Amino acid sequence: MPANIDFEQLVSSIGDAIIVADPNGAITLWNPAAERIFGFTQSEALGQSLDLIIPQRLQQRHWDGYHKTMQTGQTRYGNDLLRVPAVHKDGRALSIAFTVALLHSDTHAITGIVAVIRDDTARFNEERSLRKRLAELEARPAS
């Protein structure tokens, strides 16, 4: 028999950000890790648009995909790890990695979408630095 799981405790204590948004893109769940990663408190984030953490240049593309997903009930990102830019409360750029899943009611209507997110900025910067160094080495004339 499976152990009783306290899902509220799980969401609160896990190291990855867990963000849930309703079908219109308003944030309905914002765990402590989301606060740590993005800098917004739970009270600042709840009820706000996901635009809170999406770079302005990417918002239109995000919303086009988001609304299509809400209409069709399908996301092409269900099992894929996505890596995208994001924005911290203080305005600095972040690189995040996340997965998404659709949430449904008992009648199978979409009630929202959940994203499990981790800050990938250090890995992204390290990779970018290595790519730059590799390009510099490849550009050197052979001795």
C-alpha atoms as a PDB file:
ATOM      1  CA  MET A   1       0.000   0.000   0.000  1.00  0.00           C
ATOM      2  CA  PRO A   2       1.532   3.356  -1.012  1.00  0.00           C
ATOM      3  CA  ALA A   3       2.468   5.815   1.690  1.00  0.00           C
ATOM      4  CA  ASN A   4       0.271   8.831   2.189  1.00  0.00           C
ATOM      5  CA  ILE A   5       1.985  11.698   0.387  1.00  0.00           C
ATOM      6  CA  ASP A   6       1.584  15.242   1.627  1.00  0.00           C
ATOM      7  CA  PHE A   7       1.565  17.012  -1.741  1.00  0.00           C
ATOM      8  CA  GLU A   8       1.558  20.467  -0.166  1.00  0.00           C
ATOM      9  CA  GLN A   9       4.744  19.582   1.716  1.00  0.00           C
ATOM     10  CA  LEU A  10       6.254  18.102  -1.446  1.00  0.00           C
ATOM     11  CA  VAL A  11       5.579  21.255  -3.492  1.00  0.00           C
ATOM     12  CA  SER A  12       6.882  23.479  -0.693  1.00  0.00           C
ATOM     13  CA  SER A  13      10.090  21.586  -0.017  1.00  0.00           C
ATOM     14  CA  ILE A  14      11.252  20.486  -3.471  1.00  0.00           C
ATOM     15  CA  GLY A  15      14.283  22.312  -4.888  1.00  0.00           C
ATOM     16  CA  ASP A  16      12.727  22.945  -8.318  1.00  0.00           C
ATOM     17  CA  ALA A  17      10.256  25.720  -8.949  1.00  0.00           C
ATOM     18  CA  ILE A  18       6.714  24.513  -9.441  1.00  0.00           C
ATOM     19  CA  ILE A  19       4.440  27.000 -11.136  1.00  0.00           C
ATOM     20  CA  VAL A  20       0.831  26.369 -12.108  1.00  0.00           C
ATOM     21  CA  ALA A  21      -1.080  28.715 -14.374  1.00  0.00           C
ATOM     22  CA  ASP A  22      -4.762  28.671 -15.270  1.00  0.00           C
ATOM     23  CA  PRO A  23      -6.020  28.427 -18.882  1.00  0.00           C
ATOM     24  CA  ASN A  24      -5.629  32.218 -19.247  1.00  0.00           C
ATOM     25  CA  GLY A  25      -2.019  32.177 -18.041  1.00  0.00           C
ATOM     26  CA  ALA A  26      -2.610  33.592 -14.550  1.00  0.00           C
ATOM     27  CA  ILE A  27      -0.334  32.082 -11.905  1.00  0.00           C
ATOM     28  CA  THR A  28      -2.272  29.968  -9.386  1.00  0.00           C
ATOM     29  CA  LEU A  29       0.609  28.170  -7.631  1.00  0.00           C
ATOM     30  CA  TRP A  30       4.084  29.546  -6.881  1.00  0.00           C
ATOM     31  CA  ASN A  31       6.277  27.478  -4.579  1.00  0.00           C
ATOM     32  CA  PRO A  32       9.242  28.668  -2.449  1.00  0.00           C
ATOM     33  CA  ALA A  33      11.756  27.499  -5.083  1.00  0.00           C
ATOM     34  CA  ALA A  34      10.007  29.728  -7.668  1.00  0.00           C
ATOM     35  CA  GLU A  35      10.471  32.617  -5.254  1.00  0.00           C
ATOM     36  CA  ARG A  36      14.163  31.765  -4.848  1.00  0.00           C
ATOM     37  CA  ILE A  37      14.777  31.430  -8.605  1.00  0.00           C
ATOM     38  CA  PHE A  38      12.723  34.374  -9.888  1.00  0.00           C
ATOM     39  CA  GLY A  39      12.765  36.742  -6.881  1.00  0.00           C
ATOM     40  CA  PHE A  40       9.005  37.333  -6.690  1.00  0.00           C
ATOM     41  CA  THR A  41       7.228  36.377  -3.479  1.00  0.00           C
ATOM     42  CA  GLN A  42       4.196  34.147  -3.634  1.00  0.00           C
ATOM     43  CA  SER A  43       1.902  37.119  -2.961  1.00  0.00           C
ATOM     44  CA  GLU A  44       3.561  39.102  -5.758  1.00  0.00           C
ATOM     45  CA  ALA A  45       3.211  36.240  -8.251  1.00  0.00           C
ATOM     46  CA  LEU A  46      -0.216  34.725  -7.541  1.00  0.00           C
ATOM     47  CA  GLY A  47      -2.856  36.021  -9.929  1.00  0.00           C
ATOM     48  CA  GLN A  48      -0.248  37.625 -12.183  1.00  0.00           C
ATOM     49  CA  SER A  49       0.404  36.735 -15.804  1.00  0.00           C
ATOM     50  CA  LEU A  50       3.290  34.457 -16.693  1.00  0.00           C
ATOM     51  CA  ASP A  51       4.684  37.552 -18.435  1.00  0.00           C
ATOM     52  CA  LEU A  52       6.205  38.197 -15.004  1.00  0.00           C
ATOM     53  CA  ILE A  53       9.082  35.857 -15.906  1.00  0.00           C
ATOM     54  CA  ILE A  54       9.002  35.805 -19.726  1.00  0.00           C
ATOM     55  CA  PRO A  55      11.344  38.166 -21.585  1.00  0.00           C
ATOM     56  CA  GLN A  56       9.282  40.708 -23.505  1.00  0.00           C
ATOM     57  CA  ARG A  57      10.772  39.690 -26.865  1.00  0.00           C
ATOM     58  CA  LEU A  58       9.467  36.129 -26.358  1.00  0.00           C
ATOM     59  CA  GLN A  59       6.007  36.882 -24.960  1.00  0.00           C
ATOM     60  CA  GLN A  60       4.091  36.796 -28.259  1.00  0.00           C
ATOM     61  CA  ARG A  61       5.579  33.439 -29.246  1.00  0.00           C
ATOM     62  CA  HIS A  62       4.897  32.078 -25.755  1.00  0.00           C
ATOM     63  CA  TRP A  63       1.239  33.152 -25.798  1.00  0.00           C
ATOM     64  CA  ASP A  64       0.648  31.845 -29.322  1.00  0.00           C
ATOM     65  CA  GLY A  65       1.776  28.405 -28.168  1.00  0.00           C
ATOM     66  CA  TYR A  66       0.047  28.642 -24.801  1.00  0.00           C
ATOM     67  CA  HIS A  67      -3.365  29.494 -26.287  1.00  0.00           C
ATOM     68  CA  LYS A  68      -3.006  26.788 -28.936  1.00  0.00           C
ATOM     69  CA  THR A  69      -2.256  24.264 -26.189  1.00  0.00           C
ATOM     70  CA  MET A  70      -5.300  25.385 -24.175  1.00  0.00           C
ATOM     71  CA  GLN A  71      -7.528  25.088 -27.272  1.00  0.00           C
ATOM     72  CA  THR A  72      -6.266  21.711 -28.484  1.00  0.00           C
ATOM     73  CA  GLY A  73      -5.437  20.072 -25.167  1.00  0.00           C
ATOM     74  CA  GLN A  74      -2.082  19.029 -26.590  1.00  0.00           C
ATOM     75  CA  THR A  75       1.418  20.220 -25.976  1.00  0.00           C
ATOM     76  CA  ARG A  76       4.353  19.123 -28.041  1.00  0.00           C
ATOM     77  CA  TYR A  77       6.548  19.636 -24.980  1.00  0.00           C
ATOM     78  CA  GLY A  78       5.013  17.040 -22.683  1.00  0.00           C
ATOM     79  CA  ASN A  79       8.168  14.951 -22.218  1.00  0.00           C
ATOM     80  CA  ASP A  80      10.839  17.297 -23.513  1.00  0.00           C
ATOM     81  CA  LEU A  81      13.159  19.342 -21.350  1.00  0.00           C
ATOM     82  CA  LEU A  82      12.822  22.907 -22.561  1.00  0.00           C
ATOM     83  CA  ARG A  83      15.602  25.437 -22.172  1.00  0.00           C
ATOM     84  CA  VAL A  84      14.589  29.059 -22.545  1.00  0.00           C
ATOM     85  CA  PRO A  85      15.481  32.537 -21.320  1.00  0.00           C
ATOM     86  CA  ALA A  86      13.566  33.980 -18.372  1.00  0.00           C
ATOM     87  CA  VAL A  87      13.673  37.150 -16.301  1.00  0.00           C
ATOM     88  CA  HIS A  88      14.384  37.639 -12.589  1.00  0.00           C
ATOM     89  CA  LYS A  89      12.483  40.266 -10.598  1.00  0.00           C
ATOM     90  CA  ASP A  90      15.604  42.462 -10.585  1.00  0.00           C
ATOM     91  CA  GLY A  91      15.663  42.394 -14.402  1.00  0.00           C
ATOM     92  CA  ARG A  92      18.627  40.097 -14.898  1.00  0.00           C
ATOM     93  CA  ALA A  93      18.458  37.384 -17.510  1.00  0.00           C
ATOM     94  CA  LEU A  94      18.110  33.770 -16.444  1.00  0.00           C
ATOM     95  CA  SER A  95      18.326  30.551 -18.382  1.00  0.00           C
ATOM     96  CA  ILE A  96      15.806  27.974 -17.192  1.00  0.00           C
ATOM     97  CA  ALA A  97      15.194  24.316 -17.962  1.00  0.00           C
ATOM     98  CA  PHE A  98      11.720  22.900 -17.418  1.00  0.00           C
ATOM     99  CA  THR A  99       9.066  20.347 -18.254  1.00  0.00           C
ATOM    100  CA  VAL A 100       5.341  20.997 -18.525  1.00  0.00           C
ATOM    101  CA  ALA A 101       2.170  18.980 -18.054  1.00  0.00           C
ATOM    102  CA  LEU A 102      -1.485  19.797 -18.593  1.00  0.00           C
ATOM    103  CA  LEU A 103      -3.846  19.596 -15.639  1.00  0.00           C
ATOM    104  CA  HIS A 104      -7.415  18.353 -16.126  1.00  0.00           C
ATOM    105  CA  SER A 105     -10.667  18.323 -14.192  1.00  0.00           C
ATOM    106  CA  ASP A 106     -12.688  15.170 -13.536  1.00  0.00           C
ATOM    107  CA  THR A 107     -14.563  15.927 -16.778  1.00  0.00           C
ATOM    108  CA  HIS A 108     -11.249  16.149 -18.681  1.00  0.00           C
ATOM    109  CA  ALA A 109     -11.451  19.923 -19.178  1.00  0.00           C
ATOM    110  CA  ILE A 110      -8.084  21.649 -19.022  1.00  0.00           C
ATOM    111  CA  THR A 111      -7.740  23.483 -15.719  1.00  0.00           C
ATOM    112  CA  GLY A 112      -4.200  24.685 -16.206  1.00  0.00           C
ATOM    113  CA  ILE A 113      -0.623  23.848 -16.884  1.00  0.00           C
ATOM    114  CA  VAL A 114       2.192  23.022 -14.483  1.00  0.00           C
ATOM    115  CA  ALA A 115       5.853  23.726 -15.098  1.00  0.00           C
ATOM    116  CA  VAL A 116       8.669  22.194 -13.067  1.00  0.00           C
ATOM    117  CA  ILE A 117      11.613  24.559 -13.466  1.00  0.00           C
ATOM    118  CA  ARG A 118      15.247  24.756 -12.485  1.00  0.00           C
ATOM    119  CA  ASP A 119      17.695  27.587 -12.866  1.00  0.00           C
ATOM    120  CA  ASP A 120      20.045  26.570 -15.672  1.00  0.00           C
ATOM    121  CA  THR A 121      21.936  29.880 -15.886  1.00  0.00           C
ATOM    122  CA  ALA A 122      25.316  28.589 -14.646  1.00  0.00           C
ATOM    123  CA  ARG A 123      25.273  25.633 -17.058  1.00  0.00           C
ATOM    124  CA  PHE A 124      24.178  27.884 -19.940  1.00  0.00           C
ATOM    125  CA  ASN A 125      26.966  30.410 -19.255  1.00  0.00           C
ATOM    126  CA  GLU A 126      29.558  27.663 -18.918  1.00  0.00           C
ATOM    127  CA  GLU A 127      28.473  26.093 -22.210  1.00  0.00           C
ATOM    128  CA  ARG A 128      28.525  29.477 -23.950  1.00  0.00           C
ATOM    129  CA  SER A 129      32.033  30.122 -22.625  1.00  0.00           C
ATOM    130  CA  LEU A 130      33.218  26.696 -23.817  1.00  0.00           C
ATOM    131  CA  ARG A 131      31.680  27.248 -27.277  1.00  0.00           C
ATOM    132  CA  LYS A 132      33.419  30.638 -27.509  1.00  0.00           C
ATOM    133  CA  ARG A 133      36.747  29.110 -26.442  1.00  0.00           C
ATOM    134  CA  LEU A 134      36.356  26.274 -28.942  1.00  0.00           C
ATOM    135  CA  ALA A 135      35.602  28.754 -31.742  1.00  0.00           C
ATOM    136  CA  GLU A 136      38.730  30.735 -30.791  1.00  0.00           C
ATOM    137  CA  LEU A 137      40.862  27.590 -30.863  1.00  0.00           C
ATOM    138  CA  GLU A 138      39.419  26.445 -34.177  1.00  0.00           C
ATOM    139  CA  ALA A 139      40.082  29.888 -35.691  1.00  0.00           C
ATOM    140  CA  ARG A 140      43.806  29.740 -34.855  1.00  0.00           C
ATOM    141  CA  PRO A 141      46.069  28.947 -37.767  1.00  0.00           C
ATOM    142  CA  ALA A 142      47.681  25.532 -37.547  1.00  0.00           C
ATOM    143  CA  SER A 143      51.299  25.683 -36.350  1.00  0.00           C
END
